[in-house]
Amino acid sequence: MRTTRAAGLLAALALLTLVLLLSLAAGARPLAPGQVWNGLFDAGSESRTVVHGMRLPRTLLGLLAGAALGLAGTVMQALTRNPLADPGILGINAGAAAAVVSAISFLGIGSVTGYVWFAFAGAGAVAVLLYAVGGGRTATPARLALAGAALNAALYSYVNAVQLLDTASLDRMRFWTVGSLAAAQPGTVARVAPFIAAGTVLALALARPLNALAMGEDTARALGAGPARARAAAIVAVTLLCGAATAACGPVVFVGLMVPHLVRALTGPDLRWVLPYSAVLAPALMLAADVLGRVAARPAEIQVGVVTVVLGGPLFLSLVRRRRVAAA
């Protein structure tokens, strides 16, 4: 079984590599594989500006943000024991978005370096509030889902209100608030990469504690995994991952919901495998959605946040229906 999982992870890495290359080649001006290669490594190539200046930063941002959202969704589902948990659905992304929109509109901050800290603050505040409103240690999946839906609705209402009242900021925020990789710059990738790397390391380190916590708090303590420490570390990991991803490309939803379900069907519930698989397959999904948005409306494009909603909406309804049938 271990060998099969390892082989599957290698296959997932191969799939991610293929999607990365496709992301560099696809767009308003399609590039052949040779042109992509020359654009990457030949300083005198005609395609270098397109590849290095536009598509490489976009692809790297999709890689980082996708991995962050996939890991955050996996950690949240394990922490809350709720298979419907997702940073977008439970309001974590909305908290980061509300803080960033406030920074842009009221403080005039217009760079990722400036408002990434606001994104962390917003994501962290909502994560703690969600846990408290959902019942803390006695939280149930249903209470967390209801609390997250309420927070999500309230925060996005606030975001929309700020945009309507500040038309100057609306132009700067309108693509960002639906989730987009189009404005990616090399500096954007460099600024968010350390935070996503730290969140990734912390999330992967939580595999054993969260596995133990899934068997109950008493069992977790007996195995040496402190429930309080595990929950606090999980909230920090989700805050780092969601805050950085949302600051860089806006609130993209459903990536953190779809991928863990797909992965658990392949690996089972063991987070020592679910987390690495999610870190590989989530960016593959994110970049595939971005490529689909670029190709479907060429020479214009559909933002990646819209594509993930179109793909994830039916899956979410299917999961809800399946849970209702199981509970009946």
Protein backbone atom coordinates (compact mmCIF):
# COMPACT_ATOMS: atom_id res chain seq x y z
CA MET A 1 0.00 0.00 0.00
CA ARG A 2 2.84 2.36 0.86
CA THR A 3 4.50 1.66 -2.49
CA THR A 4 1.23 2.33 -4.31
CA ARG A 5 0.81 5.66 -2.52
CA ALA A 6 4.39 6.65 -3.31
CA ALA A 7 3.88 5.77 -6.97
CA GLY A 8 0.66 7.77 -6.98
CA LEU A 9 2.48 10.78 -5.55
CA LEU A 10 5.08 10.54 -8.33
CA ALA A 11 2.26 10.41 -10.87
CA ALA A 12 0.71 13.51 -9.27
CA LEU A 13 4.07 15.30 -9.56
CA ALA A 14 4.24 14.34 -13.24
CA LEU A 15 0.72 15.72 -13.74
CA LEU A 16 1.69 18.96 -12.00
CA THR A 17 4.77 19.28 -14.24
CA LEU A 18 2.59 18.85 -17.32
CA VAL A 19 0.15 21.51 -16.14
CA LEU A 20 3.04 23.88 -15.34
CA LEU A 21 4.31 23.56 -18.90
CA LEU A 22 0.80 24.02 -20.27
CA SER A 23 0.42 27.19 -18.20
CA LEU A 24 3.60 28.59 -19.76
CA ALA A 25 2.45 27.72 -23.29
CA ALA A 26 -1.26 28.66 -23.25
CA GLY A 27 -2.70 32.15 -23.57
CA ALA A 28 -3.81 34.80 -26.03
CA ARG A 29 -0.62 33.96 -27.94
CA PRO A 30 -0.04 30.19 -27.82
CA LEU A 31 3.59 29.09 -27.69
CA ALA A 32 5.07 25.85 -28.97
CA PRO A 33 7.21 23.79 -26.54
CA GLY A 34 10.38 24.99 -28.29
CA GLN A 35 9.33 28.61 -27.88
CA VAL A 36 8.64 28.04 -24.18
CA TRP A 37 12.09 26.48 -23.77
CA ASN A 38 13.80 29.33 -25.60
CA GLY A 39 11.80 31.88 -23.64
CA LEU A 40 12.98 30.34 -20.39
CA PHE A 41 16.66 29.90 -21.18
CA ASP A 42 17.58 32.01 -24.23
CA ALA A 43 18.05 35.68 -23.39
CA GLY A 44 17.73 36.66 -27.05
CA SER A 45 14.53 34.74 -27.76
CA GLU A 46 11.48 36.60 -29.06
CA SER A 47 9.27 34.74 -26.59
CA ARG A 48 11.37 35.63 -23.55
CA THR A 49 9.30 38.70 -22.69
CA VAL A 50 6.05 36.73 -22.78
CA VAL A 51 7.42 33.77 -20.84
CA HIS A 52 9.55 35.55 -18.23
CA GLY A 53 7.60 38.76 -17.93
CA MET A 54 4.04 37.38 -17.85
CA ARG A 55 3.54 33.64 -17.78
CA LEU A 56 6.31 32.49 -15.46
CA PRO A 57 5.25 34.77 -12.55
CA ARG A 58 1.62 33.80 -13.15
CA THR A 59 2.47 30.11 -13.16
CA LEU A 60 4.63 30.31 -10.04
CA LEU A 61 1.92 32.27 -8.20
CA GLY A 62 -0.66 29.67 -9.20
CA LEU A 63 1.68 26.95 -7.95
CA LEU A 64 2.19 28.63 -4.57
CA ALA A 65 -1.40 29.77 -4.05
CA GLY A 66 -2.84 26.42 -5.14
CA ALA A 67 -0.59 24.49 -2.75
CA ALA A 68 -1.48 26.91 0.06
CA LEU A 69 -5.23 26.57 -0.47
CA GLY A 70 -5.07 22.78 -0.82
CA LEU A 71 -3.10 22.41 2.41
CA ALA A 72 -5.29 24.90 4.25
CA GLY A 73 -8.45 23.05 3.19
CA THR A 74 -7.00 19.71 4.27
CA VAL A 75 -5.96 21.06 7.68
CA MET A 76 -9.35 22.72 8.22
CA GLN A 77 -11.26 19.55 7.33
CA ALA A 78 -9.10 17.52 9.71
CA LEU A 79 -9.31 20.10 12.51
CA THR A 80 -13.07 20.59 12.32
CA ARG A 81 -13.85 16.98 11.30
CA ASN A 82 -16.06 18.54 8.68
CA PRO A 83 -15.66 17.30 5.08
CA LEU A 84 -17.35 20.49 3.84
CA ALA A 85 -14.77 22.77 5.45
CA ASP A 86 -12.91 25.07 3.07
CA PRO A 87 -11.13 28.41 3.62
CA GLY A 88 -13.52 30.03 1.14
CA ILE A 89 -16.73 28.53 2.46
CA LEU A 90 -15.97 29.05 6.18
CA GLY A 91 -15.02 32.69 5.80
CA ILE A 92 -11.22 32.57 6.22
CA ASN A 93 -10.61 33.96 2.73
CA ALA A 94 -13.41 36.48 3.28
CA GLY A 95 -11.68 37.72 6.44
CA ALA A 96 -8.44 38.24 4.55
CA ALA A 97 -10.32 39.92 1.70
CA ALA A 98 -12.17 42.29 4.06
CA ALA A 99 -8.90 43.33 5.70
CA VAL A 100 -7.15 43.87 2.36
CA VAL A 101 -10.05 45.86 0.91
CA SER A 102 -10.03 48.05 4.03
CA ALA A 103 -6.29 48.63 3.65
CA ILE A 104 -6.67 49.55 -0.03
CA SER A 105 -9.68 51.81 0.41
CA PHE A 106 -9.05 53.54 3.75
CA LEU A 107 -5.26 53.52 4.02
CA GLY A 108 -4.30 53.78 0.35
CA ILE A 109 -2.10 50.68 0.47
CA GLY A 110 -1.68 49.26 -3.02
CA SER A 111 1.09 46.65 -2.89
CA VAL A 112 1.19 43.06 -1.75
CA THR A 113 4.03 43.92 0.62
CA GLY A 114 1.81 46.46 2.33
CA TYR A 115 -1.45 44.59 2.64
CA VAL A 116 -0.23 41.03 3.14
CA TRP A 117 -0.08 41.77 6.88
CA PHE A 118 -3.70 42.89 6.80
CA ALA A 119 -4.58 39.63 5.04
CA PHE A 120 -2.91 37.64 7.83
CA ALA A 121 -4.73 39.67 10.48
CA GLY A 122 -8.10 39.21 8.78
CA ALA A 123 -7.63 35.48 8.16
CA GLY A 124 -6.38 34.89 11.71
CA ALA A 125 -9.17 36.89 13.33
CA VAL A 126 -11.86 35.00 11.41
CA ALA A 127 -10.23 31.63 12.15
CA VAL A 128 -10.27 32.33 15.89
CA LEU A 129 -13.77 33.83 15.74
CA LEU A 130 -15.07 30.87 13.75
CA TYR A 131 -13.66 28.46 16.30
CA ALA A 132 -15.16 30.45 19.20
CA VAL A 133 -18.60 30.99 17.62
CA GLY A 134 -18.69 27.38 16.44
CA GLY A 135 -18.41 26.15 20.03
CA GLY A 136 -14.67 25.83 20.70
CA ARG A 137 -13.77 22.35 21.91
CA THR A 138 -17.42 21.28 21.68
CA ALA A 139 -17.77 22.50 18.10
CA THR A 140 -19.67 20.24 15.73
CA PRO A 141 -19.33 20.20 11.92
CA ALA A 142 -22.86 21.63 11.59
CA ARG A 143 -22.19 24.53 13.98
CA LEU A 144 -18.90 25.35 12.29
CA ALA A 145 -20.55 25.29 8.86
CA LEU A 146 -23.36 27.59 10.03
CA ALA A 147 -20.94 29.98 11.77
CA GLY A 148 -18.69 30.03 8.70
CA ALA A 149 -21.58 30.70 6.34
CA ALA A 150 -22.77 33.61 8.49
CA LEU A 151 -19.28 35.13 8.75
CA ASN A 152 -18.70 34.63 5.03
CA ALA A 153 -21.93 36.42 4.10
CA ALA A 154 -21.32 39.30 6.50
CA LEU A 155 -17.73 39.87 5.41
CA TYR A 156 -18.47 39.77 1.69
CA SER A 157 -21.36 42.19 2.24
CA TYR A 158 -18.83 44.52 3.85
CA VAL A 159 -16.40 44.06 0.94
CA ASN A 160 -19.14 44.88 -1.58
CA ALA A 161 -20.25 47.92 0.42
CA VAL A 162 -16.70 49.32 0.52
CA GLN A 163 -16.33 48.83 -3.21
CA LEU A 164 -19.63 50.60 -3.96
CA LEU A 165 -18.77 53.54 -1.71
CA ASP A 166 -15.23 53.94 -3.07
CA THR A 167 -15.38 53.85 -6.85
CA ALA A 168 -11.70 54.75 -7.19
CA SER A 169 -10.72 51.62 -5.26
CA LEU A 170 -13.29 49.55 -7.13
CA ASP A 171 -11.21 49.58 -10.33
CA ARG A 172 -8.15 48.37 -8.41
CA MET A 173 -10.06 45.68 -6.54
CA ARG A 174 -12.60 44.31 -9.01
CA PHE A 175 -10.38 41.61 -10.54
CA TRP A 176 -8.67 40.85 -7.25
CA THR A 177 -11.93 40.21 -5.38
CA VAL A 178 -13.05 37.47 -7.80
CA GLY A 179 -9.68 35.72 -7.62
CA SER A 180 -7.16 36.24 -10.39
CA LEU A 181 -3.60 35.36 -11.35
CA ALA A 182 -3.52 37.87 -14.20
CA ALA A 183 -1.70 40.62 -12.28
CA ALA A 184 1.10 38.37 -11.02
CA GLN A 185 4.53 39.97 -10.91
CA PRO A 186 7.93 38.49 -10.00
CA GLY A 187 7.90 40.64 -6.87
CA THR A 188 4.52 39.27 -5.83
CA VAL A 189 5.81 35.71 -5.91
CA ALA A 190 8.95 36.62 -3.95
CA ARG A 191 6.96 38.43 -1.24
CA VAL A 192 4.43 35.69 -0.50
CA ALA A 193 6.72 32.67 -0.99
CA PRO A 194 8.32 32.79 2.53
CA PHE A 195 4.93 32.90 4.25
CA ILE A 196 3.52 30.04 2.17
CA ALA A 197 6.72 28.03 2.75
CA ALA A 198 6.40 28.51 6.52
CA GLY A 199 2.72 27.56 6.45
CA THR A 200 3.50 24.50 4.32
CA VAL A 201 6.16 23.23 6.71
CA LEU A 202 3.85 23.75 9.68
CA ALA A 203 0.91 22.05 7.94
CA LEU A 204 2.99 19.01 6.99
CA ALA A 205 4.32 18.79 10.56
CA LEU A 206 0.72 18.63 11.82
CA ALA A 207 -0.01 15.33 10.05
CA ARG A 208 0.64 13.10 13.07
CA PRO A 209 -1.00 15.37 15.70
CA LEU A 210 -4.13 15.78 13.58
CA ASN A 211 -4.23 12.03 12.89
CA ALA A 212 -4.16 11.47 16.65
CA LEU A 213 -6.77 14.17 17.27
CA ALA A 214 -9.13 12.44 14.82
CA MET A 215 -9.28 9.49 17.26
CA GLY A 216 -10.47 11.71 20.12
CA GLU A 217 -8.85 14.06 22.60
CA ASP A 218 -8.08 11.40 25.21
CA THR A 219 -6.37 9.20 22.65
CA ALA A 220 -4.47 12.20 21.29
CA ARG A 221 -3.16 13.02 24.76
CA ALA A 222 -2.18 9.40 25.32
CA LEU A 223 -0.20 9.51 22.08
CA GLY A 224 1.56 12.69 23.16
CA ALA A 225 -0.28 15.08 20.83
CA GLY A 226 -1.65 17.97 22.87
CA PRO A 227 -5.05 18.92 21.41
CA ALA A 228 -4.72 22.59 22.37
CA ARG A 229 -1.27 22.85 20.79
CA ALA A 230 -2.42 21.06 17.65
CA ARG A 231 -5.44 23.37 17.26
CA ALA A 232 -3.36 26.51 17.81
CA ALA A 233 -0.71 25.36 15.33
CA ALA A 234 -3.42 24.49 12.80
CA ILE A 235 -4.94 27.96 13.08
CA VAL A 236 -1.49 29.52 12.57
CA ALA A 237 -0.87 27.33 9.51
CA VAL A 238 -4.26 28.16 7.97
CA THR A 239 -3.71 31.87 8.66
CA LEU A 240 -0.30 31.88 6.97
CA LEU A 241 -1.48 29.88 3.97
CA CYS A 242 -4.80 31.64 3.39
CA GLY A 243 -3.49 35.09 4.21
CA ALA A 244 -0.61 34.90 1.75
CA ALA A 245 -2.64 33.24 -1.03
CA THR A 246 -5.53 35.70 -0.68
CA ALA A 247 -3.25 38.74 -0.55
CA ALA A 248 -1.54 37.64 -3.76
CA CYS A 249 -4.43 36.54 -5.94
CA GLY A 250 -7.70 37.29 -4.15
CA PRO A 251 -10.23 34.97 -2.51
CA VAL A 252 -10.27 31.83 -4.65
CA VAL A 253 -12.80 29.29 -3.37
CA PHE A 254 -13.44 25.55 -3.69
CA VAL A 255 -9.80 24.54 -4.35
CA GLY A 256 -9.39 23.61 -0.68
CA LEU A 257 -12.70 21.73 -0.74
CA MET A 258 -12.33 19.71 -3.93
CA VAL A 259 -8.77 18.46 -3.69
CA PRO A 260 -8.81 16.80 -0.22
CA HIS A 261 -11.90 14.80 -1.20
CA LEU A 262 -10.20 13.59 -4.37
CA VAL A 263 -7.04 12.75 -2.46
CA ARG A 264 -8.76 10.82 0.32
CA ALA A 265 -10.43 8.65 -2.33
CA LEU A 266 -6.91 7.71 -3.48
CA THR A 267 -4.97 7.49 -0.21
CA GLY A 268 -7.46 7.01 2.61
CA PRO A 269 -7.68 9.34 5.63
CA ASP A 270 -4.01 9.25 6.73
CA LEU A 271 -2.86 12.89 6.71
CA ARG A 272 0.76 11.85 6.26
CA TRP A 273 -0.28 11.12 2.67
CA VAL A 274 -3.29 13.41 2.24
CA LEU A 275 -1.27 16.58 2.93
CA PRO A 276 1.57 15.91 0.42
CA TYR A 277 -0.92 14.80 -2.24
CA SER A 278 -2.99 17.96 -1.66
CA ALA A 279 0.11 20.14 -1.91
CA VAL A 280 0.75 18.67 -5.38
CA LEU A 281 -2.75 18.25 -6.83
CA ALA A 282 -4.23 21.55 -5.61
CA PRO A 283 -1.82 23.72 -7.66
CA ALA A 284 -2.44 21.40 -10.62
CA LEU A 285 -6.17 22.13 -10.30
CA MET A 286 -5.56 25.86 -9.79
CA LEU A 287 -3.35 26.18 -12.86
CA ALA A 288 -5.63 23.97 -14.97
CA ALA A 289 -8.55 26.26 -14.08
CA ASP A 290 -6.44 29.29 -14.98
CA VAL A 291 -5.46 27.78 -18.33
CA LEU A 292 -9.10 26.90 -19.03
CA GLY A 293 -10.10 30.49 -18.32
CA ARG A 294 -7.43 31.80 -20.67
CA VAL A 295 -8.32 29.45 -23.51
CA ALA A 296 -12.13 29.48 -23.24
CA ALA A 297 -12.50 33.24 -23.78
CA ARG A 298 -9.43 33.96 -25.93
CA PRO A 299 -8.23 36.70 -26.53
CA ALA A 300 -9.95 37.81 -23.30
CA GLU A 301 -9.95 35.56 -20.23
CA ILE A 302 -12.15 34.27 -17.42
CA GLN A 303 -10.66 34.81 -13.99
CA VAL A 304 -9.51 31.68 -12.17
CA GLY A 305 -11.83 32.39 -9.23
CA VAL A 306 -14.83 32.21 -11.56
CA VAL A 307 -13.67 28.94 -13.11
CA THR A 308 -13.14 27.27 -9.71
CA VAL A 309 -16.64 28.31 -8.65
CA VAL A 310 -18.12 26.79 -11.82
CA LEU A 311 -16.18 23.57 -11.19
CA GLY A 312 -16.62 23.47 -7.43
CA GLY A 313 -20.28 24.46 -7.10
CA PRO A 314 -21.72 21.17 -8.43
CA LEU A 315 -19.24 19.20 -6.31
CA PHE A 316 -20.27 21.08 -3.17
CA LEU A 317 -23.96 20.41 -3.86
CA SER A 318 -23.16 16.75 -4.48
CA LEU A 319 -21.32 16.47 -1.16
CA VAL A 320 -24.15 18.15 0.74
CA ARG A 321 -26.69 15.85 -0.90
CA ARG A 322 -24.58 12.80 -0.13
CA ARG A 323 -24.34 13.78 3.57
CA ARG A 324 -28.09 14.35 3.76
CA VAL A 325 -28.75 10.93 2.24
CA ALA A 326 -26.29 9.33 4.65
CA ALA A 327 -27.94 11.04 7.62
CA ALA A 328 -31.46 10.02 6.55
